[in-house]
Amino acid sequence: MEARGLGEITINPVRKLFMTAGAKRVSDKAAIELARIIEDKTRLVAVEAEKLSAHAGRKTVMKRDIRLAKKILEG
């Protein structure tokens, strides 16, 4: 089975997230799917945060950009 998710996130850390949530066992397909979801949502936040930092005239994305991007995307 595939050792990675869709891109950057490997399935082992995702499995650990499931375990901390109380899961006893996690299929590879479930871990891969959650990795894809995490990556998609993370990418959206990163893109929005970059827009915010550029709007503020900065090249560096700051913690506050991430937090504001999250708020904006949550609606």
N, C-alpha and C. Protein backbone atom coordinates (compact mmCIF):
# COMPACT_ATOMS: atom_id res chain seq x y z
N MET A 1 0.85 -1.19 0.00
CA MET A 1 0.00 0.00 0.00
C MET A 1 0.88 1.23 0.00
N GLU A 2 0.35 2.30 -0.44
CA GLU A 2 1.04 3.58 -0.54
C GLU A 2 1.51 4.06 0.83
N ALA A 3 2.77 4.49 0.91
CA ALA A 3 3.34 4.92 2.19
C ALA A 3 3.07 6.39 2.49
N ARG A 4 2.61 7.11 1.48
CA ARG A 4 2.39 8.55 1.66
C ARG A 4 0.93 8.88 1.40
N GLY A 5 0.56 10.09 1.75
CA GLY A 5 -0.75 10.59 1.40
C GLY A 5 -0.69 11.12 -0.03
N LEU A 6 -1.42 12.14 -0.31
CA LEU A 6 -1.46 12.72 -1.65
C LEU A 6 -0.14 13.42 -1.99
N GLY A 7 0.48 14.04 -1.02
CA GLY A 7 1.67 14.84 -1.31
C GLY A 7 2.70 14.78 -0.22
N GLU A 8 2.67 15.75 0.69
CA GLU A 8 3.72 15.92 1.68
C GLU A 8 3.50 15.18 2.99
N ILE A 9 2.28 14.90 3.33
CA ILE A 9 1.99 14.30 4.64
C ILE A 9 2.00 12.77 4.54
N THR A 10 2.86 12.14 5.34
CA THR A 10 2.91 10.68 5.35
C THR A 10 1.78 10.13 6.21
N ILE A 11 1.46 8.85 6.02
CA ILE A 11 0.30 8.30 6.73
C ILE A 11 0.58 7.95 8.19
N ASN A 12 1.83 7.74 8.56
CA ASN A 12 2.11 7.39 9.96
C ASN A 12 1.70 8.48 10.95
N PRO A 13 2.03 9.75 10.70
CA PRO A 13 1.53 10.78 11.63
C PRO A 13 0.00 10.87 11.64
N VAL A 14 -0.62 10.59 10.50
CA VAL A 14 -2.08 10.60 10.43
C VAL A 14 -2.64 9.45 11.27
N ARG A 15 -2.02 8.30 11.19
CA ARG A 15 -2.43 7.16 12.04
C ARG A 15 -2.36 7.54 13.52
N LYS A 16 -1.29 8.25 13.90
CA LYS A 16 -1.15 8.68 15.29
C LYS A 16 -2.29 9.63 15.69
N LEU A 17 -2.70 10.50 14.77
CA LEU A 17 -3.84 11.37 15.05
C LEU A 17 -5.10 10.55 15.32
N PHE A 18 -5.32 9.53 14.51
CA PHE A 18 -6.47 8.64 14.73
C PHE A 18 -6.38 7.99 16.11
N MET A 19 -5.20 7.51 16.46
CA MET A 19 -5.02 6.83 17.74
C MET A 19 -5.29 7.77 18.92
N THR A 20 -4.83 9.01 18.81
CA THR A 20 -5.11 9.96 19.90
C THR A 20 -6.60 10.30 19.97
N ALA A 21 -7.30 10.08 18.86
CA ALA A 21 -8.75 10.29 18.84
C ALA A 21 -9.51 9.06 19.34
N GLY A 22 -8.77 7.97 19.65
CA GLY A 22 -9.39 6.79 20.23
C GLY A 22 -9.53 5.59 19.31
N ALA A 23 -9.08 5.69 18.07
CA ALA A 23 -9.17 4.56 17.15
C ALA A 23 -8.22 3.45 17.58
N LYS A 24 -8.68 2.22 17.48
CA LYS A 24 -7.83 1.07 17.80
C LYS A 24 -7.02 0.64 16.58
N ARG A 25 -7.66 0.69 15.41
CA ARG A 25 -6.99 0.32 14.16
C ARG A 25 -7.44 1.30 13.08
N VAL A 26 -6.54 1.54 12.12
CA VAL A 26 -6.84 2.46 11.02
C VAL A 26 -6.34 1.85 9.72
N SER A 27 -7.21 1.79 8.73
CA SER A 27 -6.79 1.25 7.43
C SER A 27 -5.89 2.24 6.71
N ASP A 28 -5.08 1.72 5.81
CA ASP A 28 -4.22 2.59 4.99
C ASP A 28 -5.07 3.58 4.20
N LYS A 29 -6.18 3.09 3.64
CA LYS A 29 -7.04 3.96 2.83
C LYS A 29 -7.62 5.10 3.66
N ALA A 30 -7.99 4.82 4.91
CA ALA A 30 -8.52 5.88 5.78
C ALA A 30 -7.44 6.91 6.10
N ALA A 31 -6.23 6.45 6.40
CA ALA A 31 -5.13 7.37 6.71
C ALA A 31 -4.77 8.21 5.50
N ILE A 32 -4.76 7.60 4.32
CA ILE A 32 -4.45 8.33 3.10
C ILE A 32 -5.51 9.38 2.81
N GLU A 33 -6.77 9.01 2.99
CA GLU A 33 -7.86 9.96 2.73
C GLU A 33 -7.79 11.15 3.69
N LEU A 34 -7.54 10.89 4.98
CA LEU A 34 -7.42 12.00 5.92
C LEU A 34 -6.20 12.87 5.58
N ALA A 35 -5.10 12.25 5.16
CA ALA A 35 -3.91 13.02 4.75
C ALA A 35 -4.26 13.94 3.59
N ARG A 36 -5.05 13.45 2.63
CA ARG A 36 -5.46 14.28 1.49
C ARG A 36 -6.30 15.47 1.96
N ILE A 37 -7.22 15.21 2.87
CA ILE A 37 -8.07 16.28 3.39
C ILE A 37 -7.24 17.33 4.13
N ILE A 38 -6.32 16.86 4.97
CA ILE A 38 -5.44 17.77 5.71
C ILE A 38 -4.63 18.63 4.75
N GLU A 39 -4.07 18.01 3.72
CA GLU A 39 -3.26 18.74 2.75
C GLU A 39 -4.10 19.77 1.99
N ASP A 40 -5.30 19.38 1.58
CA ASP A 40 -6.16 20.32 0.84
C ASP A 40 -6.50 21.53 1.69
N LYS A 41 -6.91 21.30 2.93
CA LYS A 41 -7.28 22.40 3.81
C LYS A 41 -6.06 23.26 4.16
N THR A 42 -4.93 22.61 4.38
CA THR A 42 -3.70 23.33 4.69
C THR A 42 -3.28 24.21 3.52
N ARG A 43 -3.40 23.68 2.32
CA ARG A 43 -3.05 24.45 1.12
C ARG A 43 -3.92 25.70 1.00
N LEU A 44 -5.21 25.56 1.27
CA LEU A 44 -6.12 26.71 1.21
C LEU A 44 -5.73 27.79 2.22
N VAL A 45 -5.39 27.37 3.43
CA VAL A 45 -4.96 28.33 4.46
C VAL A 45 -3.65 28.99 4.04
N ALA A 46 -2.72 28.21 3.52
CA ALA A 46 -1.43 28.76 3.11
C ALA A 46 -1.58 29.79 2.00
N VAL A 47 -2.43 29.51 1.03
CA VAL A 47 -2.65 30.45 -0.07
C VAL A 47 -3.26 31.74 0.45
N GLU A 48 -4.26 31.62 1.29
CA GLU A 48 -4.91 32.81 1.86
C GLU A 48 -3.94 33.61 2.72
N ALA A 49 -3.13 32.92 3.53
CA ALA A 49 -2.15 33.59 4.39
C ALA A 49 -1.11 34.34 3.56
N GLU A 50 -0.72 33.74 2.45
CA GLU A 50 0.25 34.42 1.58
C GLU A 50 -0.35 35.69 1.00
N LYS A 51 -1.61 35.63 0.62
CA LYS A 51 -2.30 36.82 0.09
C LYS A 51 -2.34 37.92 1.16
N LEU A 52 -2.62 37.53 2.40
CA LEU A 52 -2.68 38.50 3.48
C LEU A 52 -1.32 39.15 3.74
N SER A 53 -0.27 38.35 3.72
CA SER A 53 1.06 38.92 3.95
C SER A 53 1.46 39.86 2.81
N ALA A 54 1.11 39.49 1.59
CA ALA A 54 1.41 40.35 0.44
C ALA A 54 0.61 41.65 0.53
N HIS A 55 -0.63 41.56 0.94
CA HIS A 55 -1.47 42.75 1.10
C HIS A 55 -0.89 43.70 2.15
N ALA A 56 -0.27 43.10 3.18
CA ALA A 56 0.34 43.91 4.24
C ALA A 56 1.73 44.41 3.83
N GLY A 57 2.17 44.08 2.61
CA GLY A 57 3.46 44.55 2.13
C GLY A 57 4.64 43.73 2.65
N ARG A 58 4.35 42.52 3.10
CA ARG A 58 5.42 41.66 3.62
C ARG A 58 5.65 40.47 2.70
N LYS A 59 6.89 39.99 2.68
CA LYS A 59 7.22 38.77 1.96
C LYS A 59 7.13 37.55 2.87
N THR A 60 7.17 37.80 4.17
CA THR A 60 7.15 36.73 5.16
C THR A 60 5.74 36.50 5.68
N VAL A 61 5.29 35.25 5.62
CA VAL A 61 4.00 34.89 6.20
C VAL A 61 4.19 34.74 7.70
N MET A 62 3.34 35.42 8.45
CA MET A 62 3.44 35.42 9.91
C MET A 62 2.32 34.57 10.52
N LYS A 63 2.50 34.26 11.79
CA LYS A 63 1.50 33.50 12.53
C LYS A 63 0.13 34.17 12.44
N ARG A 64 0.12 35.49 12.55
CA ARG A 64 -1.14 36.23 12.49
C ARG A 64 -1.83 36.07 11.13
N ASP A 65 -1.05 35.90 10.06
CA ASP A 65 -1.63 35.66 8.73
C ASP A 65 -2.35 34.31 8.69
N ILE A 66 -1.74 33.32 9.30
CA ILE A 66 -2.34 31.99 9.35
C ILE A 66 -3.65 32.04 10.12
N ARG A 67 -3.62 32.68 11.27
CA ARG A 67 -4.83 32.76 12.10
C ARG A 67 -5.95 33.51 11.39
N LEU A 68 -5.62 34.62 10.75
CA LEU A 68 -6.63 35.39 10.03
C LEU A 68 -7.14 34.62 8.81
N ALA A 69 -6.25 33.95 8.11
CA ALA A 69 -6.66 33.13 6.95
C ALA A 69 -7.64 32.05 7.39
N LYS A 70 -7.38 31.42 8.51
CA LYS A 70 -8.27 30.39 9.05
C LYS A 70 -9.65 30.98 9.33
N LYS A 71 -9.68 32.14 9.97
CA LYS A 71 -10.95 32.81 10.26
C LYS A 71 -11.70 33.16 8.98
N ILE A 72 -10.99 33.67 8.01
CA ILE A 72 -11.62 34.05 6.74
C ILE A 72 -12.23 32.82 6.07
N LEU A 73 -11.49 31.74 6.03
CA LEU A 73 -11.95 30.52 5.36
C LEU A 73 -13.08 29.83 6.10
N GLU A 74 -13.14 30.02 7.41
CA GLU A 74 -14.23 29.41 8.18
C GLU A 74 -15.53 30.18 7.98
N GLY A 75 -15.43 31.37 7.45
CA GLY A 75 -16.61 32.16 7.12
C GLY A 75 -17.07 32.99 8.21
